[in-house]
Structures are given as structure tokens and as C-alpha cells.
N, C-alpha and C. Protein backbone atom coordinates (compact mmCIF):
# COMPACT_ATOMS: atom_id res chain seq x y z
N MET A 1 -9.93 13.35 20.04
CA MET A 1 -8.56 13.72 20.30
C MET A 1 -8.32 14.81 20.20
N THR A 2 -7.29 15.59 20.99
CA THR A 2 -6.80 16.95 20.69
C THR A 2 -5.94 16.78 19.97
N ASP A 3 -5.48 17.92 19.44
CA ASP A 3 -4.30 18.41 18.14
C ASP A 3 -2.78 18.05 19.30
N ALA A 4 -2.22 17.25 18.39
CA ALA A 4 -0.76 17.03 19.23
C ALA A 4 0.20 18.19 19.31
N LYS A 5 -0.30 19.13 19.12
CA LYS A 5 0.41 20.41 19.45
C LYS A 5 -0.09 21.03 20.56
N SER A 6 -1.40 20.81 21.05
CA SER A 6 -1.73 21.15 22.41
C SER A 6 -1.22 20.20 23.53
N ASP A 7 -1.31 21.01 24.88
CA ASP A 7 -0.99 20.44 26.17
C ASP A 7 -1.92 19.41 26.16
N ASP A 8 -3.13 19.27 25.78
CA ASP A 8 -4.27 18.84 26.17
C ASP A 8 -4.22 17.14 25.36
N PHE A 9 -2.68 17.08 24.55
CA PHE A 9 -3.19 15.64 23.65
C PHE A 9 -3.06 14.49 24.81
N ASP A 10 -3.83 13.58 23.91
CA ASP A 10 -4.39 12.49 24.49
C ASP A 10 -2.86 11.44 24.14
N TRP A 11 -1.52 11.76 24.55
CA TRP A 11 -0.82 10.89 24.16
C TRP A 11 -0.91 8.99 24.44
N VAL A 12 -1.38 9.08 25.47
CA VAL A 12 -1.89 7.18 26.19
C VAL A 12 -2.89 6.69 25.44
N THR A 13 -3.79 7.40 24.97
CA THR A 13 -4.87 6.54 23.70
C THR A 13 -4.17 6.98 22.42
N ALA A 14 -3.43 7.86 22.32
CA ALA A 14 -2.57 7.47 20.70
C ALA A 14 -1.97 6.68 20.53
N ARG A 15 -1.00 6.46 22.15
CA ARG A 15 -0.17 5.25 22.10
C ARG A 15 -0.71 4.11 21.97
N HIS A 16 -1.46 3.80 22.75
CA HIS A 16 -2.39 2.42 22.85
C HIS A 16 -2.87 2.10 21.16
N GLN A 17 -3.48 3.02 20.58
CA GLN A 17 -3.68 2.71 19.06
C GLN A 17 -2.71 2.55 18.32
N CYS A 18 -1.60 2.49 18.62
CA CYS A 18 -0.08 2.62 18.02
C CYS A 18 0.14 1.37 18.32
N SER A 19 -0.78 0.17 18.85
CA SER A 19 0.24 -0.68 19.09
C SER A 19 0.44 -1.97 17.93
N VAL A 20 1.69 -2.61 18.19
CA VAL A 20 2.27 -3.54 17.29
C VAL A 20 1.23 -4.53 16.55
N GLY A 21 0.09 -4.94 17.55
CA GLY A 21 -0.90 -5.96 16.94
C GLY A 21 -1.95 -5.07 16.21
N ILE A 22 -2.47 -4.00 16.46
CA ILE A 22 -3.61 -3.06 15.34
C ILE A 22 -2.41 -2.74 14.31
N ILE A 23 -1.34 -2.53 14.13
CA ILE A 23 -0.62 -1.97 12.91
C ILE A 23 -0.09 -2.72 12.09
N PHE A 24 -0.20 -4.26 12.59
CA PHE A 24 0.24 -5.60 12.19
C PHE A 24 -0.88 -5.99 11.16
N GLU A 25 -2.04 -5.94 11.75
CA GLU A 25 -3.19 -6.10 11.32
C GLU A 25 -3.50 -5.08 9.87
N ARG A 26 -3.46 -4.22 10.08
CA ARG A 26 -3.96 -3.06 9.29
C ARG A 26 -2.76 -3.24 7.86
N LEU A 27 -1.81 -3.67 8.39
CA LEU A 27 -0.68 -4.04 7.20
C LEU A 27 -0.66 -5.26 6.39
N ARG A 28 -1.39 -6.29 7.33
CA ARG A 28 -2.13 -7.38 6.52
C ARG A 28 -3.15 -6.76 5.54
N VAL A 29 -4.38 -6.14 6.01
CA VAL A 29 -5.38 -5.70 5.23
C VAL A 29 -4.90 -4.93 4.20
N ARG A 30 -4.03 -3.84 4.19
CA ARG A 30 -3.28 -2.92 3.18
C ARG A 30 -2.71 -4.13 2.16
N THR A 31 -1.79 -5.12 2.24
CA THR A 31 -1.17 -6.09 1.64
C THR A 31 -2.06 -6.84 0.49
N SER A 32 -3.34 -7.40 1.45
CA SER A 32 -4.40 -8.02 0.45
C SER A 32 -5.01 -7.43 -0.59
N ALA A 33 -5.08 -6.10 -0.09
CA ALA A 33 -5.85 -5.07 -1.15
C ALA A 33 -4.60 -4.62 -2.33
N ASP A 34 -3.24 -4.34 -1.97
CA ASP A 34 -2.43 -4.59 -2.67
C ASP A 34 -2.06 -5.38 -3.55
N VAL A 35 -2.34 -6.44 -3.15
CA VAL A 35 -2.19 -7.80 -4.04
C VAL A 35 -3.18 -7.85 -4.93
N ALA A 36 -4.58 -7.68 -4.49
CA ALA A 36 -5.46 -7.78 -5.21
C ALA A 36 -5.23 -6.83 -6.78
N LEU A 37 -5.17 -5.46 -6.31
CA LEU A 37 -4.76 -4.53 -7.29
C LEU A 37 -3.54 -4.77 -8.45
N ARG A 38 -2.53 -5.07 -7.69
CA ARG A 38 -1.47 -5.48 -8.64
C ARG A 38 -1.85 -6.42 -9.49
N ASN A 39 -2.63 -7.88 -8.98
CA ASN A 39 -2.66 -8.87 -9.58
C ASN A 39 -3.94 -8.48 -10.82
N LYS A 40 -4.69 -7.42 -10.62
CA LYS A 40 -5.68 -6.95 -11.70
C LYS A 40 -4.67 -6.62 -12.66
N ARG A 41 -3.59 -5.58 -12.29
CA ARG A 41 -2.65 -5.04 -13.50
C ARG A 41 -1.99 -5.86 -14.34
N LEU A 42 -1.90 -7.22 -13.81
CA LEU A 42 -0.99 -8.17 -14.10
C LEU A 42 -1.77 -9.05 -15.21
N GLU A 43 -3.15 -8.86 -15.41
CA GLU A 43 -4.06 -10.00 -16.47
C GLU A 43 -3.31 -9.91 -17.49
N SER A 44 -3.07 -8.58 -17.85
CA SER A 44 -2.52 -8.74 -19.45
C SER A 44 -1.29 -9.26 -19.71
N GLU A 45 -0.70 -9.20 -18.63
CA GLU A 45 0.72 -10.14 -18.87
C GLU A 45 0.80 -11.45 -18.49
N ARG A 46 0.52 -12.12 -19.00
CA ARG A 46 0.34 -13.96 -18.85
C ARG A 46 1.46 -14.63 -18.08
N GLU A 47 2.69 -14.22 -18.58
CA GLU A 47 3.52 -14.88 -18.23
C GLU A 47 4.29 -14.57 -16.95
N VAL A 48 3.50 -13.75 -16.57
CA VAL A 48 3.48 -13.22 -14.84
C VAL A 48 2.86 -14.06 -14.18
N ALA A 49 3.12 -14.62 -13.19
CA ALA A 49 2.54 -15.55 -12.13
C ALA A 49 1.60 -14.59 -11.33
N PRO A 50 0.69 -15.00 -11.05
CA PRO A 50 -0.35 -13.73 -10.23
C PRO A 50 0.36 -14.14 -8.52
N LEU A 51 -0.23 -13.23 -8.07
CA LEU A 51 0.47 -13.04 -6.38
C LEU A 51 -0.49 -13.85 -5.52
N THR A 52 -0.65 -14.36 -4.42
CA THR A 52 -1.38 -14.91 -3.75
C THR A 52 -0.85 -14.54 -2.26
N VAL A 53 -1.75 -14.21 -1.11
CA VAL A 53 -1.28 -13.95 0.30
C VAL A 53 -1.98 -15.17 0.92
N THR A 54 -1.43 -15.94 1.92
CA THR A 54 -1.46 -16.50 2.73
C THR A 54 -0.92 -16.22 4.61
N THR A 55 -2.27 -16.58 5.27
CA THR A 55 -2.06 -15.81 6.62
C THR A 55 -2.03 -16.91 7.75
N ASP A 56 -1.14 -16.85 8.51
CA ASP A 56 -1.37 -17.72 9.73
C ASP A 56 -0.86 -16.95 11.07
N GLY A 57 -1.96 -16.80 11.67
CA GLY A 57 -1.76 -16.13 13.08
C GLY A 57 -0.99 -14.75 13.29
N ALA A 58 0.56 -15.23 13.44
CA ALA A 58 1.08 -14.01 13.85
C ALA A 58 2.29 -14.10 12.44
N SER A 59 1.55 -14.45 11.38
CA SER A 59 2.58 -13.83 9.86
C SER A 59 1.60 -13.63 8.74
N PHE A 60 1.78 -13.32 7.84
CA PHE A 60 1.56 -13.68 7.10
C PHE A 60 2.51 -13.40 5.70
N SER A 61 2.31 -14.25 4.35
CA SER A 61 3.29 -14.21 3.29
C SER A 61 2.39 -13.60 1.92
N VAL A 62 3.40 -13.27 1.46
CA VAL A 62 2.96 -12.62 -0.20
C VAL A 62 3.93 -13.90 -1.19
N LEU A 63 3.09 -14.15 -2.24
CA LEU A 63 4.24 -15.45 -2.84
C LEU A 63 3.67 -15.11 -4.32
N ARG A 64 4.72 -15.47 -5.18
CA ARG A 64 4.67 -14.70 -6.57
C ARG A 64 5.24 -16.47 -6.79
N GLY A 65 4.28 -17.42 -7.63
CA GLY A 65 4.79 -18.81 -7.80
C GLY A 65 5.35 -19.37 -6.92
N PRO A 66 5.97 -20.77 -7.08
CA PRO A 66 6.16 -21.70 -5.70
C PRO A 66 7.75 -21.23 -5.13
N THR A 67 8.62 -20.09 -5.56
CA THR A 67 9.71 -19.72 -5.04
C THR A 67 10.02 -18.59 -4.52
N ARG A 68 9.38 -17.53 -4.67
CA ARG A 68 9.61 -16.15 -4.64
C ARG A 68 8.21 -15.87 -3.61
N VAL A 69 8.83 -15.28 -2.28
CA VAL A 69 7.66 -15.28 -1.12
C VAL A 69 8.40 -13.88 -0.07
N VAL A 70 7.46 -12.87 0.12
CA VAL A 70 8.11 -11.78 1.38
C VAL A 70 6.74 -12.15 2.77
N ARG A 71 7.47 -12.78 3.88
CA ARG A 71 6.96 -12.67 4.72
C ARG A 71 6.61 -11.68 5.89
N PHE A 72 5.85 -11.34 6.23
CA PHE A 72 5.77 -10.63 7.39
C PHE A 72 5.33 -11.28 8.90
N MET A 73 6.40 -11.25 9.85
CA MET A 73 5.83 -11.91 11.09
C MET A 73 6.06 -11.03 12.10
N LEU A 74 4.66 -11.07 13.24
CA LEU A 74 5.20 -10.24 14.39
C LEU A 74 5.84 -11.08 15.28
N ARG A 75 6.64 -10.20 16.01
CA ARG A 75 7.77 -10.71 17.18
C ARG A 75 7.90 -10.10 18.06
N GLY A 76 6.94 -10.57 18.90
CA GLY A 76 6.57 -9.13 20.03
C GLY A 76 6.49 -8.00 19.70
N GLU A 77 7.07 -6.90 19.99
CA GLU A 77 7.18 -5.62 19.52
C GLU A 77 7.20 -5.27 18.35
N THR A 78 7.88 -6.42 17.65
CA THR A 78 9.00 -6.02 15.96
C THR A 78 7.88 -6.60 14.88
N ILE A 79 8.14 -6.20 14.08
CA ILE A 79 7.20 -6.54 12.64
C ILE A 79 8.49 -7.02 12.15
N ASP A 80 8.68 -8.32 11.73
CA ASP A 80 9.93 -8.79 10.71
C ASP A 80 9.41 -8.90 9.30
N VAL A 81 10.56 -8.62 8.14
CA VAL A 81 10.04 -8.75 6.86
C VAL A 81 11.15 -9.91 6.42
N SER A 82 10.63 -10.95 5.84
CA SER A 82 11.72 -12.17 5.26
C SER A 82 11.88 -12.67 3.94
N ASP A 83 12.35 -13.14 3.23
CA ASP A 83 12.68 -13.24 1.65
C ASP A 83 12.43 -14.83 1.90
N GLU A 84 12.22 -15.68 0.78
CA GLU A 84 12.21 -17.29 0.55
C GLU A 84 13.13 -17.86 1.67
N LYS A 85 14.33 -17.38 1.93
CA LYS A 85 15.51 -18.00 2.80
C LYS A 85 14.88 -17.62 4.38
N ILE A 86 14.17 -16.92 4.45
CA ILE A 86 13.63 -16.66 5.59
C ILE A 86 14.76 -15.82 6.32
N GLN A 87 15.41 -15.21 5.53
CA GLN A 87 16.36 -13.90 6.11
C GLN A 87 15.85 -12.59 6.66
N THR A 88 15.96 -12.32 7.50
CA THR A 88 14.72 -10.69 7.56
C THR A 88 15.89 -9.68 6.87
N VAL A 89 15.08 -9.47 6.02
CA VAL A 89 15.26 -7.96 5.30
C VAL A 89 14.75 -6.64 5.71
N MET A 90 14.33 -6.68 6.60
CA MET A 90 13.82 -5.28 7.15
C MET A 90 13.38 -5.69 8.53
N GLU A 91 13.11 -4.99 9.62
CA GLU A 91 12.69 -5.06 11.04
C GLU A 91 12.13 -3.76 11.24
N ALA A 92 10.79 -3.66 11.68
CA ALA A 92 10.15 -2.71 11.85
C ALA A 92 9.61 -2.31 13.47
N THR A 93 9.92 -1.19 14.24
CA THR A 93 9.46 -1.11 15.62
C THR A 93 8.13 0.05 15.14
N LEU A 94 7.53 0.34 16.18
CA LEU A 94 6.84 1.37 16.09
C LEU A 94 6.92 2.52 16.95
N THR A 95 6.70 3.71 16.85
CA THR A 95 6.64 4.98 17.39
C THR A 95 5.82 6.05 17.52
N LEU A 96 5.19 6.82 18.46
CA LEU A 96 4.25 7.97 18.25
C LEU A 96 5.26 8.80 18.55
N ASN A 97 5.71 9.61 17.38
CA ASN A 97 6.25 10.60 17.10
C ASN A 97 5.78 12.13 18.07
N ASP A 98 6.61 13.17 17.83
CA ASP A 98 6.19 14.25 18.46
C ASP A 98 5.10 15.16 17.87
N ALA A 99 4.66 14.78 16.44
CA ALA A 99 3.50 15.40 15.77
C ALA A 99 2.47 14.51 16.25
N GLY A 100 2.52 13.31 16.83
CA GLY A 100 1.50 12.59 17.75
C GLY A 100 1.12 11.73 16.53
N GLU A 101 2.08 11.20 15.78
CA GLU A 101 1.64 10.14 14.39
C GLU A 101 2.29 9.05 14.52
N CYS A 102 1.45 7.76 14.61
CA CYS A 102 2.13 6.42 14.72
C CYS A 102 2.84 6.16 13.53
N ARG A 103 3.97 6.00 13.15
CA ARG A 103 4.57 5.54 12.16
C ARG A 103 5.66 4.04 12.80
N LEU A 104 5.95 3.89 11.48
CA LEU A 104 7.02 2.30 11.76
C LEU A 104 8.23 2.64 11.83
N ARG A 105 9.00 2.41 12.33
CA ARG A 105 10.30 2.45 12.43
C ARG A 105 11.31 1.96 11.76
N VAL A 106 11.95 1.90 10.84
CA VAL A 106 13.04 1.04 10.49
C VAL A 106 14.39 1.74 10.55
N GLY A 107 15.14 1.53 11.19
CA GLY A 107 16.59 2.23 11.60
C GLY A 107 16.34 3.52 12.07
N ASP A 108 16.62 4.37 11.49
CA ASP A 108 16.35 6.09 11.75
C ASP A 108 15.31 6.36 11.11
N GLU A 109 14.52 5.52 10.33
CA GLU A 109 13.40 6.32 9.58
C GLU A 109 12.18 6.16 9.94
N GLU A 110 11.11 6.89 9.97
CA GLU A 110 9.69 6.76 10.16
C GLU A 110 9.18 6.70 8.91
N LEU A 111 8.10 5.57 8.80
CA LEU A 111 7.74 5.27 7.60
C LEU A 111 6.13 5.25 8.10
N LEU A 112 5.23 5.46 7.07
CA LEU A 112 4.13 5.47 6.48
C LEU A 112 3.86 4.01 6.43
N LEU A 113 2.67 3.59 6.77
CA LEU A 113 2.33 2.17 6.20
C LEU A 113 2.57 1.80 4.33
N TRP A 114 2.34 2.54 3.74
CA TRP A 114 2.46 2.52 2.59
C TRP A 114 3.66 2.40 1.90
N GLN A 115 4.57 3.39 2.51
CA GLN A 115 5.84 3.03 2.35
C GLN A 115 6.61 2.19 2.93
N PHE A 116 6.34 1.73 3.96
CA PHE A 116 6.76 0.36 4.45
C PHE A 116 6.48 -0.92 3.57
N LEU A 117 5.13 -0.74 3.21
CA LEU A 117 4.94 -2.01 2.02
C LEU A 117 5.75 -1.79 0.79
N LYS A 118 6.05 -0.71 0.82
CA LYS A 118 6.53 -0.65 -0.96
C LYS A 118 7.68 -1.08 -0.43
N ARG A 119 8.61 -0.63 0.14
CA ARG A 119 10.00 -1.25 0.63
C ARG A 119 9.97 -2.89 0.78
N ALA A 120 8.85 -3.53 1.10
CA ALA A 120 9.01 -4.77 1.36
C ALA A 120 8.66 -5.57 0.12
N LEU A 121 7.67 -4.89 -0.96
CA LEU A 121 7.10 -5.61 -1.79
C LEU A 121 7.18 -5.25 -3.31
N GLU A 122 8.26 -4.37 -3.30
CA GLU A 122 8.27 -3.57 -4.59
C GLU A 122 8.96 -4.51 -5.52
N THR A 123 10.18 -5.09 -5.02
CA THR A 123 11.01 -6.01 -5.84
C THR A 123 9.73 -7.67 -6.39
N LEU A 124 9.00 -7.91 -5.52
CA LEU A 124 8.24 -9.11 -5.49
C LEU A 124 7.07 -8.36 -6.71
N PHE A 125 6.42 -7.29 -6.59
CA PHE A 125 5.51 -6.90 -7.54
C PHE A 125 6.12 -6.50 -8.92
N PHE A 126 7.11 -5.98 -9.04
CA PHE A 126 7.53 -5.33 -10.08
C PHE A 126 9.06 -6.28 -10.72
N GLY A 127 9.61 -6.47 -9.82
CA GLY A 127 10.83 -7.17 -10.31
C GLY A 127 10.77 -8.41 -11.27
């Protein structure tokens, strides 16, 4: 792929690779890795329930104990993040920005995967 600052930049391929299905799967894989890392850090904190990840096709969830959950759901071209009450707490779409980078758009902000996951999971992981 050519440099995004070049007139030869292949924006069609870049945008195709910035599809919601591809990014949703990358979020799921990254979330599972983050949960494994956080659980390893929690081993010394016996009173803290470990985190688990469940997957169900167009959604996946991170659970702590029986009542705390963050759910990621694919809805058309949107990725919704909801809490245990199934209330949407964050909603993202995708954008290929002018630098040729695929980003999650939340409101007016463009986020990297880790930034999006931090916002979605930080309270569950550390709260």
C-alpha cells in the first residue's frame, strides 16, 4: 500500500480493511488478551473476582462475578458497548481518516483500539 500522503494511496483497499466486522473481531481478540493479562495481575488479590469473556456471534461480554458486565455488540455498522442493565454507554462507528488510518469514532473523537477498550473496560478492570 502506498503512503496516505501520496496521490497513489489505495483508499478503497484501506477502507475495505477498515470494515466493522474486521475491527469487531480485532476488538474481541484484544479484549480476551487484556482479560488474561488483568486476571494474571489479580491473582494476588483473592477477594477480587476474576474476569471472564463470553462470545455469542455478533456480541461478546466481559464479566466480573455474577452481576458486573460490559457487553460489546455489533449492530449494522455500529459497535455498541452496554452495561449490565443493557444500557448503551458508548457507541462507535469506523472512519478512514485523512492520514489513511482506520479509527473508531466515538462522538467527535477518533480512537485507537486500546483507547476504545480502555474507556469501555477500565472501571470493570480497576473499579
